[in-house]
Amino acid sequence: LDQKILQQFEYQQQGLEFNADTIYRLHSVCKIAYIEIN
């Protein structure tokens, strides 16, 4: 379901230009994490 939502977001993003003067937020469905090994 989240993959479907993100695909719809990607479709809506088509044609939009990057804004070098704004605040960007990770899309709400995205899951992000990091690990530290060695």
PDB file of all heavy atoms in Angstrom:
ATOM      1  N   LEU A   1       0.830  -1.208   0.000  1.00  0.00           N
ATOM      2  CA  LEU A   1       0.000   0.000   0.000  1.00  0.00           C
ATOM      3  C   LEU A   1       0.860   1.252   0.000  1.00  0.00           C
ATOM      4  O   LEU A   1       0.595   2.202  -0.748  1.00  0.00           O
ATOM      5  CB  LEU A   1      -0.944  -0.003   1.209  1.00  0.00           C
ATOM      6  CG  LEU A   1      -1.904   1.180   1.315  1.00  0.00           C
ATOM      7  CD1 LEU A   1      -2.788   1.277   0.076  1.00  0.00           C
ATOM      8  CD2 LEU A   1      -2.754   1.077   2.571  1.00  0.00           C
ATOM      9  N   ASP A   2       1.910   1.265   0.820  1.00  0.00           N
ATOM     10  CA  ASP A   2       2.804   2.423   0.845  1.00  0.00           C
ATOM     11  C   ASP A   2       3.569   2.562  -0.465  1.00  0.00           C
ATOM     12  O   ASP A   2       3.844   3.675  -0.922  1.00  0.00           O
ATOM     13  CB  ASP A   2       3.774   2.315   2.019  1.00  0.00           C
ATOM     14  CG  ASP A   2       3.122   2.695   3.338  1.00  0.00           C
ATOM     15  OD1 ASP A   2       2.046   3.318   3.307  1.00  0.00           O
ATOM     16  OD2 ASP A   2       3.678   2.367   4.399  1.00  0.00           O
ATOM     17  N   GLN A   3       3.923   1.456  -1.083  1.00  0.00           N
ATOM     18  CA  GLN A   3       4.566   1.511  -2.392  1.00  0.00           C
ATOM     19  C   GLN A   3       3.646   2.183  -3.411  1.00  0.00           C
ATOM     20  O   GLN A   3       4.094   3.001  -4.229  1.00  0.00           O
ATOM     21  CB  GLN A   3       4.930   0.104  -2.859  1.00  0.00           C
ATOM     22  CG  GLN A   3       6.102  -0.517  -2.128  1.00  0.00           C
ATOM     23  CD  GLN A   3       6.378  -1.938  -2.571  1.00  0.00           C
ATOM     24  OE1 GLN A   3       5.579  -2.550  -3.263  1.00  0.00           O
ATOM     25  NE2 GLN A   3       7.509  -2.477  -2.157  1.00  0.00           N
ATOM     26  N   LYS A   4       2.377   1.866  -3.335  1.00  0.00           N
ATOM     27  CA  LYS A   4       1.399   2.459  -4.253  1.00  0.00           C
ATOM     28  C   LYS A   4       1.285   3.963  -4.024  1.00  0.00           C
ATOM     29  O   LYS A   4       1.230   4.753  -4.976  1.00  0.00           O
ATOM     30  CB  LYS A   4       0.043   1.786  -4.057  1.00  0.00           C
ATOM     31  CG  LYS A   4      -1.031   2.265  -5.015  1.00  0.00           C
ATOM     32  CD  LYS A   4      -2.336   1.498  -4.800  1.00  0.00           C
ATOM     33  CE  LYS A   4      -3.429   2.006  -5.736  1.00  0.00           C
ATOM     34  NZ  LYS A   4      -4.703   1.269  -5.514  1.00  0.00           N
ATOM     35  N   ILE A   5       1.270   4.370  -2.752  1.00  0.00           N
ATOM     36  CA  ILE A   5       1.191   5.801  -2.434  1.00  0.00           C
ATOM     37  C   ILE A   5       2.428   6.530  -2.957  1.00  0.00           C
ATOM     38  O   ILE A   5       2.337   7.622  -3.532  1.00  0.00           O
ATOM     39  CB  ILE A   5       1.046   6.009  -0.912  1.00  0.00           C
ATOM     40  CG1 ILE A   5      -0.297   5.465  -0.419  1.00  0.00           C
ATOM     41  CG2 ILE A   5       1.171   7.495  -0.551  1.00  0.00           C
ATOM     42  CD1 ILE A   5      -0.452   5.470   1.088  1.00  0.00           C
ATOM     43  N   LEU A   6       3.600   5.915  -2.769  1.00  0.00           N
ATOM     44  CA  LEU A   6       4.835   6.548  -3.224  1.00  0.00           C
ATOM     45  C   LEU A   6       4.900   6.609  -4.743  1.00  0.00           C
ATOM     46  O   LEU A   6       5.382   7.601  -5.314  1.00  0.00           O
ATOM     47  CB  LEU A   6       6.043   5.787  -2.673  1.00  0.00           C
ATOM     48  CG  LEU A   6       7.391   6.498  -2.801  1.00  0.00           C
ATOM     49  CD1 LEU A   6       7.371   7.850  -2.093  1.00  0.00           C
ATOM     50  CD2 LEU A   6       8.515   5.626  -2.244  1.00  0.00           C
ATOM     51  N   GLN A   7       4.387   5.605  -5.421  1.00  0.00           N
ATOM     52  CA  GLN A   7       4.337   5.634  -6.883  1.00  0.00           C
ATOM     53  C   GLN A   7       3.445   6.762  -7.384  1.00  0.00           C
ATOM     54  O   GLN A   7       3.769   7.432  -8.369  1.00  0.00           O
ATOM     55  CB  GLN A   7       3.854   4.285  -7.411  1.00  0.00           C
ATOM     56  CG  GLN A   7       4.870   3.161  -7.277  1.00  0.00           C
ATOM     57  CD  GLN A   7       4.287   1.794  -7.557  1.00  0.00           C
ATOM     58  OE1 GLN A   7       3.089   1.648  -7.828  1.00  0.00           O
ATOM     59  NE2 GLN A   7       5.118   0.770  -7.488  1.00  0.00           N
ATOM     60  N   GLN A   8       2.344   6.984  -6.692  1.00  0.00           N
ATOM     61  CA  GLN A   8       1.457   8.088  -7.057  1.00  0.00           C
ATOM     62  C   GLN A   8       2.160   9.430  -6.841  1.00  0.00           C
ATOM     63  O   GLN A   8       2.035  10.357  -7.656  1.00  0.00           O
ATOM     64  CB  GLN A   8       0.167   8.026  -6.228  1.00  0.00           C
ATOM     65  CG  GLN A   8      -0.838   9.129  -6.511  1.00  0.00           C
ATOM     66  CD  GLN A   8      -1.399   9.080  -7.920  1.00  0.00           C
ATOM     67  OE1 GLN A   8      -1.408   8.032  -8.553  1.00  0.00           O
ATOM     68  NE2 GLN A   8      -1.873  10.213  -8.408  1.00  0.00           N
ATOM     69  N   PHE A   9       2.926   9.525  -5.764  1.00  0.00           N
ATOM     70  CA  PHE A   9       3.699  10.740  -5.492  1.00  0.00           C
ATOM     71  C   PHE A   9       4.732  10.977  -6.596  1.00  0.00           C
ATOM     72  O   PHE A   9       4.916  12.102  -7.069  1.00  0.00           O
ATOM     73  CB  PHE A   9       4.379  10.622  -4.131  1.00  0.00           C
ATOM     74  CG  PHE A   9       5.362  11.720  -3.840  1.00  0.00           C
ATOM     75  CD1 PHE A   9       4.928  13.012  -3.593  1.00  0.00           C
ATOM     76  CD2 PHE A   9       6.732  11.463  -3.818  1.00  0.00           C
ATOM     77  CE1 PHE A   9       5.834  14.033  -3.319  1.00  0.00           C
ATOM     78  CE2 PHE A   9       7.642  12.473  -3.546  1.00  0.00           C
ATOM     79  CZ  PHE A   9       7.192  13.757  -3.300  1.00  0.00           C
ATOM     80  N   GLU A  10       5.409   9.912  -7.018  1.00  0.00           N
ATOM     81  CA  GLU A  10       6.401  10.027  -8.092  1.00  0.00           C
ATOM     82  C   GLU A  10       5.749  10.535  -9.374  1.00  0.00           C
ATOM     83  O   GLU A  10       6.321  11.358 -10.099  1.00  0.00           O
ATOM     84  CB  GLU A  10       7.062   8.670  -8.332  1.00  0.00           C
ATOM     85  CG  GLU A  10       7.932   8.206  -7.180  1.00  0.00           C
ATOM     86  CD  GLU A  10       8.439   6.789  -7.374  1.00  0.00           C
ATOM     87  OE1 GLU A  10       8.105   6.171  -8.405  1.00  0.00           O
ATOM     88  OE2 GLU A  10       9.169   6.291  -6.493  1.00  0.00           O
ATOM     89  N   TYR A  11       4.553  10.055  -9.648  1.00  0.00           N
ATOM     90  CA  TYR A  11       3.828  10.513 -10.840  1.00  0.00           C
ATOM     91  C   TYR A  11       3.508  12.008 -10.741  1.00  0.00           C
ATOM     92  O   TYR A  11       3.664  12.764 -11.708  1.00  0.00           O
ATOM     93  CB  TYR A  11       2.543   9.704 -10.999  1.00  0.00           C
ATOM     94  CG  TYR A  11       1.654  10.154 -12.133  1.00  0.00           C
ATOM     95  CD1 TYR A  11       1.953   9.836 -13.459  1.00  0.00           C
ATOM     96  CD2 TYR A  11       0.514  10.920 -11.875  1.00  0.00           C
ATOM     97  CE1 TYR A  11       1.151  10.263 -14.496  1.00  0.00           C
ATOM     98  CE2 TYR A  11      -0.301  11.349 -12.910  1.00  0.00           C
ATOM     99  CZ  TYR A  11       0.018  11.023 -14.218  1.00  0.00           C
ATOM    100  OH  TYR A  11      -0.781  11.453 -15.239  1.00  0.00           O
ATOM    101  N   GLN A  12       3.096  12.446  -9.548  1.00  0.00           N
ATOM    102  CA  GLN A  12       2.755  13.855  -9.345  1.00  0.00           C
ATOM    103  C   GLN A  12       3.979  14.754  -9.429  1.00  0.00           C
ATOM    104  O   GLN A  12       3.864  15.945  -9.743  1.00  0.00           O
ATOM    105  CB  GLN A  12       2.067  14.027  -7.990  1.00  0.00           C
ATOM    106  CG  GLN A  12       0.710  13.339  -7.895  1.00  0.00           C
ATOM    107  CD  GLN A  12       0.173  13.292  -6.480  1.00  0.00           C
ATOM    108  OE1 GLN A  12       0.905  13.547  -5.520  1.00  0.00           O
ATOM    109  NE2 GLN A  12      -1.103  12.960  -6.339  1.00  0.00           N
ATOM    110  N   GLN A  13       5.153  14.202  -9.131  1.00  0.00           N
ATOM    111  CA  GLN A  13       6.385  14.982  -9.152  1.00  0.00           C
ATOM    112  C   GLN A  13       6.907  15.244 -10.566  1.00  0.00           C
ATOM    113  O   GLN A  13       7.783  16.089 -10.759  1.00  0.00           O
ATOM    114  CB  GLN A  13       7.482  14.258  -8.354  1.00  0.00           C
ATOM    115  CG  GLN A  13       7.248  14.219  -6.854  1.00  0.00           C
ATOM    116  CD  GLN A  13       7.449  15.577  -6.220  1.00  0.00           C
ATOM    117  OE1 GLN A  13       6.496  16.311  -5.993  1.00  0.00           O
ATOM    118  NE2 GLN A  13       8.685  15.913  -5.929  1.00  0.00           N
ATOM    119  N   GLN A  14       6.390  14.528 -11.549  1.00  0.00           N
ATOM    120  CA  GLN A  14       6.869  14.685 -12.918  1.00  0.00           C
ATOM    121  C   GLN A  14       6.694  16.131 -13.375  1.00  0.00           C
ATOM    122  O   GLN A  14       5.628  16.721 -13.228  1.00  0.00           O
ATOM    123  CB  GLN A  14       6.117  13.745 -13.861  1.00  0.00           C
ATOM    124  CG  GLN A  14       6.431  12.275 -13.637  1.00  0.00           C
ATOM    125  CD  GLN A  14       5.674  11.373 -14.602  1.00  0.00           C
ATOM    126  OE1 GLN A  14       4.909  11.836 -15.439  1.00  0.00           O
ATOM    127  NE2 GLN A  14       5.894  10.076 -14.494  1.00  0.00           N
ATOM    128  N   GLY A  15       7.751  16.686 -13.916  1.00  0.00           N
ATOM    129  CA  GLY A  15       7.688  18.055 -14.419  1.00  0.00           C
ATOM    130  C   GLY A  15       8.036  19.108 -13.399  1.00  0.00           C
ATOM    131  O   GLY A  15       8.239  20.275 -13.764  1.00  0.00           O
ATOM    132  N   LEU A  16       8.107  18.736 -12.104  1.00  0.00           N
ATOM    133  CA  LEU A  16       8.469  19.714 -11.078  1.00  0.00           C
ATOM    134  C   LEU A  16       9.976  19.923 -11.080  1.00  0.00           C
ATOM    135  O   LEU A  16      10.757  18.979 -11.242  1.00  0.00           O
ATOM    136  CB  LEU A  16       8.015  19.247  -9.698  1.00  0.00           C
ATOM    137  CG  LEU A  16       6.507  19.182  -9.436  1.00  0.00           C
ATOM    138  CD1 LEU A  16       6.253  18.777  -7.987  1.00  0.00           C
ATOM    139  CD2 LEU A  16       5.850  20.528  -9.725  1.00  0.00           C
ATOM    140  N   GLU A  17      10.390  21.158 -10.902  1.00  0.00           N
ATOM    141  CA  GLU A  17      11.812  21.470 -10.868  1.00  0.00           C
ATOM    142  C   GLU A  17      12.309  21.531  -9.435  1.00  0.00           C
ATOM    143  O   GLU A  17      11.576  21.897  -8.514  1.00  0.00           O
ATOM    144  CB  GLU A  17      12.069  22.803 -11.573  1.00  0.00           C
ATOM    145  CG  GLU A  17      11.778  22.784 -13.068  1.00  0.00           C
ATOM    146  CD  GLU A  17      12.154  24.092 -13.744  1.00  0.00           C
ATOM    147  OE1 GLU A  17      12.615  25.013 -13.022  1.00  0.00           O
ATOM    148  OE2 GLU A  17      12.002  24.188 -14.970  1.00  0.00           O
ATOM    149  N   PHE A  18      13.567  21.174  -9.258  1.00  0.00           N
ATOM    150  CA  PHE A  18      14.188  21.238  -7.942  1.00  0.00           C
ATOM    151  C   PHE A  18      14.246  22.683  -7.470  1.00  0.00           C
ATOM    152  O   PHE A  18      14.573  23.601  -8.232  1.00  0.00           O
ATOM    153  CB  PHE A  18      15.597  20.648  -8.005  1.00  0.00           C
ATOM    154  CG  PHE A  18      16.372  20.802  -6.730  1.00  0.00           C
ATOM    155  CD1 PHE A  18      16.055  20.037  -5.618  1.00  0.00           C
ATOM    156  CD2 PHE A  18      17.418  21.714  -6.648  1.00  0.00           C
ATOM    157  CE1 PHE A  18      16.778  20.181  -4.434  1.00  0.00           C
ATOM    158  CE2 PHE A  18      18.151  21.865  -5.476  1.00  0.00           C
ATOM    159  CZ  PHE A  18      17.822  21.093  -4.365  1.00  0.00           C
ATOM    160  N   ASN A  19      13.939  22.913  -6.200  1.00  0.00           N
ATOM    161  CA  ASN A  19      13.949  24.244  -5.599  1.00  0.00           C
ATOM    162  C   ASN A  19      15.153  24.342  -4.678  1.00  0.00           C
ATOM    163  O   ASN A  19      15.231  23.637  -3.667  1.00  0.00           O
ATOM    164  CB  ASN A  19      12.654  24.480  -4.815  1.00  0.00           C
ATOM    165  CG  ASN A  19      12.531  25.912  -4.317  1.00  0.00           C
ATOM    166  OD1 ASN A  19      13.506  26.657  -4.277  1.00  0.00           O
ATOM    167  ND2 ASN A  19      11.325  26.294  -3.911  1.00  0.00           N
ATOM    168  N   ALA A  20      16.094  25.189  -5.014  1.00  0.00           N
ATOM    169  CA  ALA A  20      17.330  25.329  -4.232  1.00  0.00           C
ATOM    170  C   ALA A  20      17.164  26.280  -3.055  1.00  0.00           C
ATOM    171  O   ALA A  20      18.151  26.598  -2.377  1.00  0.00           O
ATOM    172  CB  ALA A  20      18.463  25.811  -5.135  1.00  0.00           C
ATOM    173  N   ASP A  21      15.955  26.722  -2.792  1.00  0.00           N
ATOM    174  CA  ASP A  21      15.712  27.703  -1.735  1.00  0.00           C
ATOM    175  C   ASP A  21      14.446  27.325  -0.961  1.00  0.00           C
ATOM    176  O   ASP A  21      13.484  28.071  -0.923  1.00  0.00           O
ATOM    177  CB  ASP A  21      15.585  29.105  -2.342  1.00  0.00           C
ATOM    178  CG  ASP A  21      15.430  30.184  -1.282  1.00  0.00           C
ATOM    179  OD1 ASP A  21      15.738  29.903  -0.109  1.00  0.00           O
ATOM    180  OD2 ASP A  21      14.982  31.294  -1.621  1.00  0.00           O
ATOM    181  N   THR A  22      14.470  26.155  -0.332  1.00  0.00           N
ATOM    182  CA  THR A  22      13.269  25.708   0.377  1.00  0.00           C
ATOM    183  C   THR A  22      13.637  24.700   1.463  1.00  0.00           C
ATOM    184  O   THR A  22      14.822  24.440   1.714  1.00  0.00           O
ATOM    185  CB  THR A  22      12.259  25.072  -0.605  1.00  0.00           C
ATOM    186  OG1 THR A  22      11.013  24.886   0.054  1.00  0.00           O
ATOM    187  CG2 THR A  22      12.765  23.732  -1.126  1.00  0.00           C
ATOM    188  N   ILE A  23      12.620  24.144   2.098  1.00  0.00           N
ATOM    189  CA  ILE A  23      12.780  23.051   3.043  1.00  0.00           C
ATOM    190  C   ILE A  23      12.126  21.816   2.436  1.00  0.00           C
ATOM    191  O   ILE A  23      10.962  21.856   2.027  1.00  0.00           O
ATOM    192  CB  ILE A  23      12.125  23.353   4.406  1.00  0.00           C
ATOM    193  CG1 ILE A  23      12.706  24.630   5.024  1.00  0.00           C
ATOM    194  CG2 ILE A  23      12.301  22.168   5.357  1.00  0.00           C
ATOM    195  CD1 ILE A  23      14.170  24.529   5.398  1.00  0.00           C
ATOM    196  N   TYR A  24      12.886  20.742   2.352  1.00  0.00           N
ATOM    197  CA  TYR A  24      12.349  19.485   1.857  1.00  0.00           C
ATOM    198  C   TYR A  24      12.131  18.519   3.019  1.00  0.00           C
ATOM    199  O   TYR A  24      12.950  18.444   3.941  1.00  0.00           O
ATOM    200  CB  TYR A  24      13.293  18.844   0.834  1.00  0.00           C
ATOM    201  CG  TYR A  24      13.157  19.422  -0.559  1.00  0.00           C
ATOM    202  CD1 TYR A  24      14.113  20.302  -1.059  1.00  0.00           C
ATOM    203  CD2 TYR A  24      12.067  19.094  -1.358  1.00  0.00           C
ATOM    204  CE1 TYR A  24      13.990  20.834  -2.336  1.00  0.00           C
ATOM    205  CE2 TYR A  24      11.942  19.626  -2.640  1.00  0.00           C
ATOM    206  CZ  TYR A  24      12.897  20.493  -3.118  1.00  0.00           C
ATOM    207  OH  TYR A  24      12.769  21.017  -4.385  1.00  0.00           O
ATOM    208  N   ARG A  25      11.030  17.785   2.940  1.00  0.00           N
ATOM    209  CA  ARG A  25      10.726  16.785   3.958  1.00  0.00           C
ATOM    210  C   ARG A  25      10.591  15.416   3.320  1.00  0.00           C
ATOM    211  O   ARG A  25      10.031  15.279   2.230  1.00  0.00           O
ATOM    212  CB  ARG A  25       9.423  17.145   4.697  1.00  0.00           C
ATOM    213  CG  ARG A  25       8.986  16.061   5.686  1.00  0.00           C
ATOM    214  CD  ARG A  25       8.058  16.565   6.759  1.00  0.00           C
ATOM    215  NE  ARG A  25       6.786  17.045   6.252  1.00  0.00           N
ATOM    216  CZ  ARG A  25       5.793  17.495   7.044  1.00  0.00           C
ATOM    217  NH1 ARG A  25       5.966  17.524   8.353  1.00  0.00           N
ATOM    218  NH2 ARG A  25       4.672  17.899   6.536  1.00  0.00           N
ATOM    219  N   LEU A  26      11.108  14.413   4.008  1.00  0.00           N
ATOM    220  CA  LEU A  26      10.967  13.045   3.547  1.00  0.00           C
ATOM    221  C   LEU A  26       9.486  12.716   3.419  1.00  0.00           C
ATOM    222  O   LEU A  26       8.684  13.058   4.287  1.00  0.00           O
ATOM    223  CB  LEU A  26      11.627  12.094   4.554  1.00  0.00           C
ATOM    224  CG  LEU A  26      11.749  10.625   4.153  1.00  0.00           C
ATOM    225  CD1 LEU A  26      12.731  10.459   3.006  1.00  0.00           C
ATOM    226  CD2 LEU A  26      12.198   9.792   5.352  1.00  0.00           C
ATOM    227  N   HIS A  27       9.110  12.062   2.331  1.00  0.00           N
ATOM    228  CA  HIS A  27       7.705  11.720   2.134  1.00  0.00           C
ATOM    229  C   HIS A  27       7.202  10.864   3.292  1.00  0.00           C
ATOM    230  O   HIS A  27       7.922  10.032   3.839  1.00  0.00           O
ATOM    231  CB  HIS A  27       7.514  10.985   0.812  1.00  0.00           C
ATOM    232  CG  HIS A  27       6.081  10.838   0.429  1.00  0.00           C
ATOM    233  ND1 HIS A  27       5.280   9.823   0.919  1.00  0.00           N
ATOM    234  CD2 HIS A  27       5.279  11.584  -0.381  1.00  0.00           C
ATOM    235  CE1 HIS A  27       4.061   9.947   0.426  1.00  0.00           C
ATOM    236  NE2 HIS A  27       4.045  11.011  -0.364  1.00  0.00           N
ATOM    237  N   SER A  28       5.951  11.066   3.657  1.00  0.00           N
ATOM    238  CA  SER A  28       5.398  10.461   4.866  1.00  0.00           C
ATOM    239  C   SER A  28       5.450   8.942   4.885  1.00  0.00           C
ATOM    240  O   SER A  28       5.546   8.337   5.957  1.00  0.00           O
ATOM    241  CB  SER A  28       3.953  10.931   5.059  1.00  0.00           C
ATOM    242  OG  SER A  28       3.175  10.616   3.918  1.00  0.00           O
ATOM    243  N   VAL A  29       5.377   8.270   3.728  1.00  0.00           N
ATOM    244  CA  VAL A  29       5.390   6.811   3.740  1.00  0.00           C
ATOM    245  C   VAL A  29       6.800   6.243   3.864  1.00  0.00           C
ATOM    246  O   VAL A  29       6.961   5.046   4.145  1.00  0.00           O
ATOM    247  CB  VAL A  29       4.725   6.200   2.486  1.00  0.00           C
ATOM    248  CG1 VAL A  29       3.325   6.726   2.296  1.00  0.00           C
ATOM    249  CG2 VAL A  29       5.571   6.425   1.239  1.00  0.00           C
ATOM    250  N   CYS A  30       7.812   7.061   3.633  1.00  0.00           N
ATOM    251  CA  CYS A  30       9.182   6.548   3.569  1.00  0.00           C
ATOM    252  C   CYS A  30       9.678   6.093   4.937  1.00  0.00           C
ATOM    253  O   CYS A  30       9.411   6.723   5.957  1.00  0.00           O
ATOM    254  CB  CYS A  30      10.123   7.611   3.014  1.00  0.00           C
ATOM    255  SG  CYS A  30       9.864   7.968   1.265  1.00  0.00           S
ATOM    256  N   LYS A  31      10.434   5.009   4.912  1.00  0.00           N
ATOM    257  CA  LYS A  31      11.064   4.491   6.118  1.00  0.00           C
ATOM    258  C   LYS A  31      12.573   4.613   5.931  1.00  0.00           C
ATOM    259  O   LYS A  31      13.129   4.134   4.942  1.00  0.00           O
ATOM    260  CB  LYS A  31      10.671   3.035   6.352  1.00  0.00           C
ATOM    261  CG  LYS A  31       9.163   2.856   6.585  1.00  0.00           C
ATOM    262  CD  LYS A  31       8.808   1.425   6.912  1.00  0.00           C
ATOM    263  CE  LYS A  31       7.300   1.249   7.055  1.00  0.00           C
ATOM    264  NZ  LYS A  31       6.727   2.078   8.117  1.00  0.00           N
ATOM    265  N   ILE A  32      13.211   5.247   6.898  1.00  0.00           N
ATOM    266  CA  ILE A  32      14.636   5.522   6.785  1.00  0.00           C
ATOM    267  C   ILE A  32      15.334   5.150   8.081  1.00  0.00           C
ATOM    268  O   ILE A  32      14.770   5.303   9.165  1.00  0.00           O
ATOM    269  CB  ILE A  32      14.886   7.001   6.419  1.00  0.00           C
ATOM    270  CG1 ILE A  32      16.311   7.218   5.941  1.00  0.00           C
ATOM    271  CG2 ILE A  32      14.543   7.934   7.573  1.00  0.00           C
ATOM    272  CD1 ILE A  32      16.534   8.565   5.261  1.00  0.00           C
ATOM    273  N   ALA A  33      16.547   4.630   7.960  1.00  0.00           N
ATOM    274  CA  ALA A  33      17.310   4.227   9.139  1.00  0.00           C
ATOM    275  C   ALA A  33      18.786   4.148   8.763  1.00  0.00           C
ATOM    276  O   ALA A  33      19.151   4.131   7.591  1.00  0.00           O
ATOM    277  CB  ALA A  33      16.818   2.874   9.661  1.00  0.00           C
ATOM    278  N   TYR A  34      19.629   4.084   9.794  1.00  0.00           N
ATOM    279  CA  TYR A  34      21.058   3.916   9.548  1.00  0.00           C
ATOM    280  C   TYR A  34      21.671   3.013  10.608  1.00  0.00           C
ATOM    281  O   TYR A  34      21.128   2.850  11.712  1.00  0.00           O
ATOM    282  CB  TYR A  34      21.784   5.260   9.483  1.00  0.00           C
ATOM    283  CG  TYR A  34      21.754   6.090  10.749  1.00  0.00           C
ATOM    284  CD1 TYR A  34      22.799   6.041  11.672  1.00  0.00           C
ATOM    285  CD2 TYR A  34      20.690   6.935  11.013  1.00  0.00           C
ATOM    286  CE1 TYR A  34      22.783   6.814  12.822  1.00  0.00           C
ATOM    287  CE2 TYR A  34      20.652   7.710  12.160  1.00  0.00           C
ATOM    288  CZ  TYR A  34      21.699   7.648  13.066  1.00  0.00           C
ATOM    289  OH  TYR A  34      21.679   8.402  14.209  1.00  0.00           O
ATOM    290  N   ILE A  35      22.780   2.390  10.240  1.00  0.00           N
ATOM    291  CA  ILE A  35      23.505   1.504  11.143  1.00  0.00           C
ATOM    292  C   ILE A  35      24.971   1.911  11.160  1.00  0.00           C
ATOM    293  O   ILE A  35      25.454   2.566  10.235  1.00  0.00           O
ATOM    294  CB  ILE A  35      23.385   0.026  10.702  1.00  0.00           C
ATOM    295  CG1 ILE A  35      23.955  -0.171   9.287  1.00  0.00           C
ATOM    296  CG2 ILE A  35      21.944  -0.454  10.771  1.00  0.00           C
ATOM    297  CD1 ILE A  35      23.985  -1.621   8.827  1.00  0.00           C
ATOM    298  N   GLU A  36      25.661   1.539  12.222  1.00  0.00           N
ATOM    299  CA  GLU A  36      27.099   1.785  12.309  1.00  0.00           C
ATOM    300  C   GLU A  36      27.788   0.469  12.627  1.00  0.00           C
ATOM    301  O   GLU A  36      27.569  -0.122  13.696  1.00  0.00           O
ATOM    302  CB  GLU A  36      27.425   2.826  13.376  1.00  0.00           C
ATOM    303  CG  GLU A  36      28.903   3.163  13.434  1.00  0.00           C
ATOM    304  CD  GLU A  36      29.220   4.314  14.371  1.00  0.00           C
ATOM    305  OE1 GLU A  36      28.284   4.855  14.982  1.00  0.00           O
ATOM    306  OE2 GLU A  36      30.417   4.667  14.469  1.00  0.00           O
ATOM    307  N   ILE A  37      28.598  -0.010  11.685  1.00  0.00           N
ATOM    308  CA  ILE A  37      29.325  -1.262  11.831  1.00  0.00           C
ATOM    309  C   ILE A  37      30.796  -1.005  11.540  1.00  0.00           C
ATOM    310  O   ILE A  37      31.138  -0.472  10.472  1.00  0.00           O
ATOM    311  CB  ILE A  37      28.784  -2.343  10.867  1.00  0.00           C
ATOM    312  CG1 ILE A  37      27.282  -2.565  11.104  1.00  0.00           C
ATOM    313  CG2 ILE A  37      29.555  -3.639  11.035  1.00  0.00           C
ATOM    314  CD1 ILE A  37      26.957  -3.151  12.457  1.00  0.00           C
ATOM    315  N   ASN A  38      31.654  -1.361  12.503  1.00  0.00           N
ATOM    316  CA  ASN A  38      33.102  -1.181  12.333  1.00  0.00           C
ATOM    317  C   ASN A  38      33.438   0.256  11.941  1.00  0.00           C
ATOM    318  O   ASN A  38      34.222   0.515  11.009  1.00  0.00           O
ATOM    319  CB  ASN A  38      33.647  -2.156  11.283  1.00  0.00           C
ATOM    320  CG  ASN A  38      33.447  -3.603  11.695  1.00  0.00           C
ATOM    321  OD1 ASN A  38      33.530  -3.941  12.874  1.00  0.00           O
ATOM    322  ND2 ASN A  38      33.164  -4.458  10.718  1.00  0.00           N
TER     323      ASN A  38
END
